[in-house]
Amino acid sequence: MAVRWTYIEPAAVFSPFIGFQTVPIALIGGPLAAAVVFSLLAETLRLQLPYAYMMVLGLLLLACVIWLPDGLASLARRSRRSPP
């Protein structure tokens, strides 16, 4: 974080958002896909819903855990298994 922001502040370093990032990234799948998808989603939500973006990300996390317990990769496997 110090490289990105050029300074270290306890409120920024120990932010719950930084610790929360690892869980959705693990659910999304690969590190490259997760970095792109999660970064775009988080920044878009932060701009659109500045006071509720963490709650929306939490709800999306719960939805992923309930409906996609194996991550986004399970969608590709399901689509390959289902007959046309």
N, C-alpha and C. Protein backbone atom coordinates (compact mmCIF):
# COMPACT_ATOMS: atom_id res chain seq x y z
N MET A 1 0.81 -1.18 0.00
CA MET A 1 0.00 0.00 0.00
C MET A 1 0.86 1.25 0.00
N ALA A 2 2.01 1.18 0.63
CA ALA A 2 2.87 2.36 0.68
C ALA A 2 3.37 2.74 -0.71
N VAL A 3 3.61 1.76 -1.55
CA VAL A 3 4.06 2.04 -2.91
C VAL A 3 2.95 2.72 -3.70
N ARG A 4 1.75 2.27 -3.51
CA ARG A 4 0.61 2.84 -4.25
C ARG A 4 0.28 4.25 -3.79
N TRP A 5 0.24 4.47 -2.47
CA TRP A 5 -0.20 5.76 -1.95
C TRP A 5 0.95 6.66 -1.51
N THR A 6 2.16 6.17 -1.49
CA THR A 6 3.40 6.86 -1.09
C THR A 6 3.44 7.25 0.39
N TYR A 7 2.52 6.75 1.18
CA TYR A 7 2.59 6.95 2.63
C TYR A 7 1.80 5.84 3.31
N ILE A 8 2.01 5.67 4.58
CA ILE A 8 1.30 4.65 5.35
C ILE A 8 0.53 5.34 6.48
N GLU A 9 -0.72 5.01 6.56
CA GLU A 9 -1.58 5.55 7.61
C GLU A 9 -2.34 4.38 8.22
N PRO A 10 -2.38 4.26 9.54
CA PRO A 10 -3.05 3.11 10.15
C PRO A 10 -4.49 2.91 9.69
N ALA A 11 -5.23 3.97 9.52
CA ALA A 11 -6.63 3.83 9.09
C ALA A 11 -6.73 3.22 7.71
N ALA A 12 -5.78 3.52 6.84
CA ALA A 12 -5.80 2.96 5.48
C ALA A 12 -5.27 1.54 5.45
N VAL A 13 -4.21 1.28 6.20
CA VAL A 13 -3.58 -0.04 6.17
C VAL A 13 -4.46 -1.09 6.84
N PHE A 14 -5.11 -0.73 7.93
CA PHE A 14 -5.92 -1.70 8.66
C PHE A 14 -7.40 -1.55 8.34
N SER A 15 -7.71 -1.06 7.18
CA SER A 15 -9.08 -0.90 6.73
C SER A 15 -9.72 -2.28 6.54
N PRO A 16 -10.98 -2.45 6.92
CA PRO A 16 -11.63 -3.75 6.71
C PRO A 16 -11.76 -4.10 5.24
N PHE A 17 -11.79 -3.11 4.37
CA PHE A 17 -11.92 -3.37 2.94
C PHE A 17 -10.71 -4.13 2.40
N ILE A 18 -9.52 -3.83 2.90
CA ILE A 18 -8.32 -4.52 2.43
C ILE A 18 -8.35 -5.99 2.84
N GLY A 19 -8.78 -6.28 4.04
CA GLY A 19 -8.89 -7.67 4.48
C GLY A 19 -10.02 -8.40 3.77
N PHE A 20 -11.05 -7.67 3.42
CA PHE A 20 -12.21 -8.26 2.75
C PHE A 20 -11.91 -8.62 1.30
N GLN A 21 -10.95 -7.95 0.69
CA GLN A 21 -10.64 -8.16 -0.72
C GLN A 21 -10.23 -9.59 -1.03
N THR A 22 -9.56 -10.25 -0.14
CA THR A 22 -9.06 -11.60 -0.43
C THR A 22 -10.18 -12.61 -0.61
N VAL A 23 -11.28 -12.45 0.11
CA VAL A 23 -12.37 -13.43 0.02
C VAL A 23 -13.05 -13.39 -1.35
N PRO A 24 -13.49 -12.24 -1.85
CA PRO A 24 -14.10 -12.24 -3.19
C PRO A 24 -13.11 -12.63 -4.29
N ILE A 25 -11.85 -12.27 -4.13
CA ILE A 25 -10.85 -12.64 -5.12
C ILE A 25 -10.71 -14.16 -5.17
N ALA A 26 -10.74 -14.81 -4.02
CA ALA A 26 -10.66 -16.27 -4.00
C ALA A 26 -11.91 -16.89 -4.61
N LEU A 27 -13.08 -16.27 -4.41
CA LEU A 27 -14.32 -16.80 -4.99
C LEU A 27 -14.38 -16.61 -6.49
N ILE A 28 -13.83 -15.51 -6.97
CA ILE A 28 -13.88 -15.24 -8.41
C ILE A 28 -13.06 -16.26 -9.17
N GLY A 29 -11.91 -16.60 -8.68
CA GLY A 29 -11.10 -17.61 -9.38
C GLY A 29 -9.68 -17.17 -9.55
N GLY A 30 -9.19 -17.19 -10.78
CA GLY A 30 -7.80 -16.88 -11.08
C GLY A 30 -7.40 -15.48 -10.69
N PRO A 31 -6.14 -15.27 -10.39
CA PRO A 31 -5.69 -13.96 -9.92
C PRO A 31 -5.88 -12.84 -10.94
N LEU A 32 -5.69 -13.11 -12.21
CA LEU A 32 -5.84 -12.06 -13.22
C LEU A 32 -7.31 -11.68 -13.38
N ALA A 33 -8.17 -12.67 -13.53
CA ALA A 33 -9.61 -12.40 -13.67
C ALA A 33 -10.14 -11.74 -12.41
N ALA A 34 -9.71 -12.21 -11.26
CA ALA A 34 -10.18 -11.64 -10.00
C ALA A 34 -9.75 -10.19 -9.86
N ALA A 35 -8.52 -9.89 -10.23
CA ALA A 35 -8.03 -8.51 -10.11
C ALA A 35 -8.83 -7.57 -11.00
N VAL A 36 -9.10 -7.99 -12.20
CA VAL A 36 -9.84 -7.12 -13.13
C VAL A 36 -11.29 -6.97 -12.69
N VAL A 37 -11.97 -8.07 -12.47
CA VAL A 37 -13.40 -8.04 -12.13
C VAL A 37 -13.62 -7.33 -10.79
N PHE A 38 -12.90 -7.73 -9.78
CA PHE A 38 -13.14 -7.16 -8.46
C PHE A 38 -12.74 -5.69 -8.40
N SER A 39 -11.64 -5.31 -9.02
CA SER A 39 -11.22 -3.91 -8.99
C SER A 39 -12.24 -3.01 -9.69
N LEU A 40 -12.70 -3.44 -10.86
CA LEU A 40 -13.69 -2.65 -11.57
C LEU A 40 -15.00 -2.56 -10.79
N LEU A 41 -15.43 -3.66 -10.24
CA LEU A 41 -16.68 -3.68 -9.47
C LEU A 41 -16.57 -2.82 -8.22
N ALA A 42 -15.49 -2.96 -7.49
CA ALA A 42 -15.33 -2.20 -6.25
C ALA A 42 -15.25 -0.70 -6.52
N GLU A 43 -14.49 -0.31 -7.52
CA GLU A 43 -14.36 1.12 -7.82
C GLU A 43 -15.67 1.70 -8.35
N THR A 44 -16.39 0.94 -9.17
CA THR A 44 -17.68 1.42 -9.67
C THR A 44 -18.67 1.59 -8.53
N LEU A 45 -18.74 0.61 -7.65
CA LEU A 45 -19.65 0.71 -6.51
C LEU A 45 -19.24 1.84 -5.57
N ARG A 46 -17.94 2.02 -5.38
CA ARG A 46 -17.48 3.08 -4.49
C ARG A 46 -17.86 4.45 -5.02
N LEU A 47 -17.84 4.60 -6.33
CA LEU A 47 -18.23 5.89 -6.93
C LEU A 47 -19.75 6.08 -6.95
N GLN A 48 -20.49 5.01 -7.25
CA GLN A 48 -21.94 5.11 -7.35
C GLN A 48 -22.64 5.12 -5.99
N LEU A 49 -22.13 4.33 -5.06
CA LEU A 49 -22.75 4.22 -3.73
C LEU A 49 -21.70 4.44 -2.65
N PRO A 50 -21.27 5.68 -2.45
CA PRO A 50 -20.14 5.91 -1.53
C PRO A 50 -20.42 5.51 -0.08
N TYR A 51 -21.67 5.50 0.33
CA TYR A 51 -21.98 5.17 1.72
C TYR A 51 -22.42 3.72 1.91
N ALA A 52 -22.67 3.02 0.83
CA ALA A 52 -23.20 1.66 0.97
C ALA A 52 -22.43 0.63 0.15
N TYR A 53 -21.28 1.00 -0.41
CA TYR A 53 -20.61 0.04 -1.29
C TYR A 53 -20.12 -1.20 -0.56
N MET A 54 -19.69 -1.07 0.69
CA MET A 54 -19.24 -2.25 1.43
C MET A 54 -20.41 -3.19 1.69
N MET A 55 -21.58 -2.65 1.95
CA MET A 55 -22.75 -3.48 2.17
C MET A 55 -23.14 -4.20 0.87
N VAL A 56 -23.06 -3.51 -0.25
CA VAL A 56 -23.38 -4.14 -1.54
C VAL A 56 -22.36 -5.23 -1.85
N LEU A 57 -21.07 -4.97 -1.61
CA LEU A 57 -20.06 -6.00 -1.83
C LEU A 57 -20.29 -7.20 -0.92
N GLY A 58 -20.71 -6.95 0.31
CA GLY A 58 -21.02 -8.05 1.23
C GLY A 58 -22.21 -8.87 0.76
N LEU A 59 -23.23 -8.20 0.24
CA LEU A 59 -24.39 -8.93 -0.30
C LEU A 59 -24.00 -9.74 -1.53
N LEU A 60 -23.15 -9.18 -2.38
CA LEU A 60 -22.66 -9.94 -3.55
C LEU A 60 -21.83 -11.14 -3.11
N LEU A 61 -21.06 -10.98 -2.06
CA LEU A 61 -20.29 -12.10 -1.53
C LEU A 61 -21.22 -13.19 -1.03
N LEU A 62 -22.26 -12.81 -0.29
CA LEU A 62 -23.23 -13.82 0.18
C LEU A 62 -23.92 -14.51 -0.99
N ALA A 63 -24.27 -13.76 -2.02
CA ALA A 63 -24.91 -14.36 -3.19
C ALA A 63 -23.96 -15.34 -3.87
N CYS A 64 -22.69 -15.00 -3.96
CA CYS A 64 -21.72 -15.92 -4.57
C CYS A 64 -21.57 -17.18 -3.74
N VAL A 65 -21.53 -17.04 -2.43
CA VAL A 65 -21.37 -18.21 -1.57
C VAL A 65 -22.59 -19.13 -1.68
N ILE A 66 -23.78 -18.53 -1.79
CA ILE A 66 -24.99 -19.34 -1.86
C ILE A 66 -25.17 -19.99 -3.23
N TRP A 67 -25.04 -19.19 -4.30
CA TRP A 67 -25.35 -19.71 -5.63
C TRP A 67 -24.14 -20.18 -6.43
N LEU A 68 -22.96 -19.76 -6.06
CA LEU A 68 -21.75 -20.20 -6.76
C LEU A 68 -20.70 -20.66 -5.74
N PRO A 69 -20.96 -21.73 -5.01
CA PRO A 69 -20.01 -22.14 -3.98
C PRO A 69 -18.65 -22.56 -4.54
N ASP A 70 -18.58 -22.91 -5.81
CA ASP A 70 -17.30 -23.28 -6.41
C ASP A 70 -16.68 -22.14 -7.21
N GLY A 71 -17.22 -20.93 -7.09
CA GLY A 71 -16.68 -19.78 -7.79
C GLY A 71 -17.21 -19.65 -9.20
N LEU A 72 -16.69 -18.67 -9.91
CA LEU A 72 -17.15 -18.42 -11.28
C LEU A 72 -16.76 -19.54 -12.23
N ALA A 73 -15.71 -20.27 -11.89
CA ALA A 73 -15.29 -21.39 -12.74
C ALA A 73 -16.39 -22.45 -12.83
N SER A 74 -17.23 -22.54 -11.81
CA SER A 74 -18.31 -23.53 -11.84
C SER A 74 -19.34 -23.20 -12.93
N LEU A 75 -19.48 -21.93 -13.29
CA LEU A 75 -20.40 -21.56 -14.37
C LEU A 75 -19.96 -22.16 -15.70
N ALA A 76 -18.66 -22.14 -15.96
CA ALA A 76 -18.14 -22.73 -17.20
C ALA A 76 -18.35 -24.25 -17.20
N ARG A 77 -18.13 -24.87 -16.07
CA ARG A 77 -18.33 -26.33 -16.00
C ARG A 77 -19.81 -26.69 -16.18
N ARG A 78 -20.70 -25.89 -15.58
CA ARG A 78 -22.13 -26.16 -15.73
C ARG A 78 -22.58 -26.00 -17.17
N SER A 79 -22.06 -24.97 -17.84
CA SER A 79 -22.49 -24.75 -19.22
C SER A 79 -21.97 -25.84 -20.16
N ARG A 80 -20.81 -26.41 -19.85
CA ARG A 80 -20.29 -27.50 -20.68
C ARG A 80 -21.06 -28.80 -20.45
N ARG A 81 -21.55 -28.99 -19.23
CA ARG A 81 -22.28 -30.22 -18.91
C ARG A 81 -23.70 -30.23 -19.45
N SER A 82 -24.34 -29.06 -19.46
CA SER A 82 -25.75 -29.03 -19.87
C SER A 82 -25.87 -29.24 -21.38
N PRO A 83 -26.80 -30.11 -21.77
CA PRO A 83 -26.99 -30.38 -23.21
C PRO A 83 -27.65 -29.18 -23.89
N PRO A 84 -27.33 -28.95 -25.16
CA PRO A 84 -27.91 -27.82 -25.88
C PRO A 84 -29.39 -27.95 -26.14
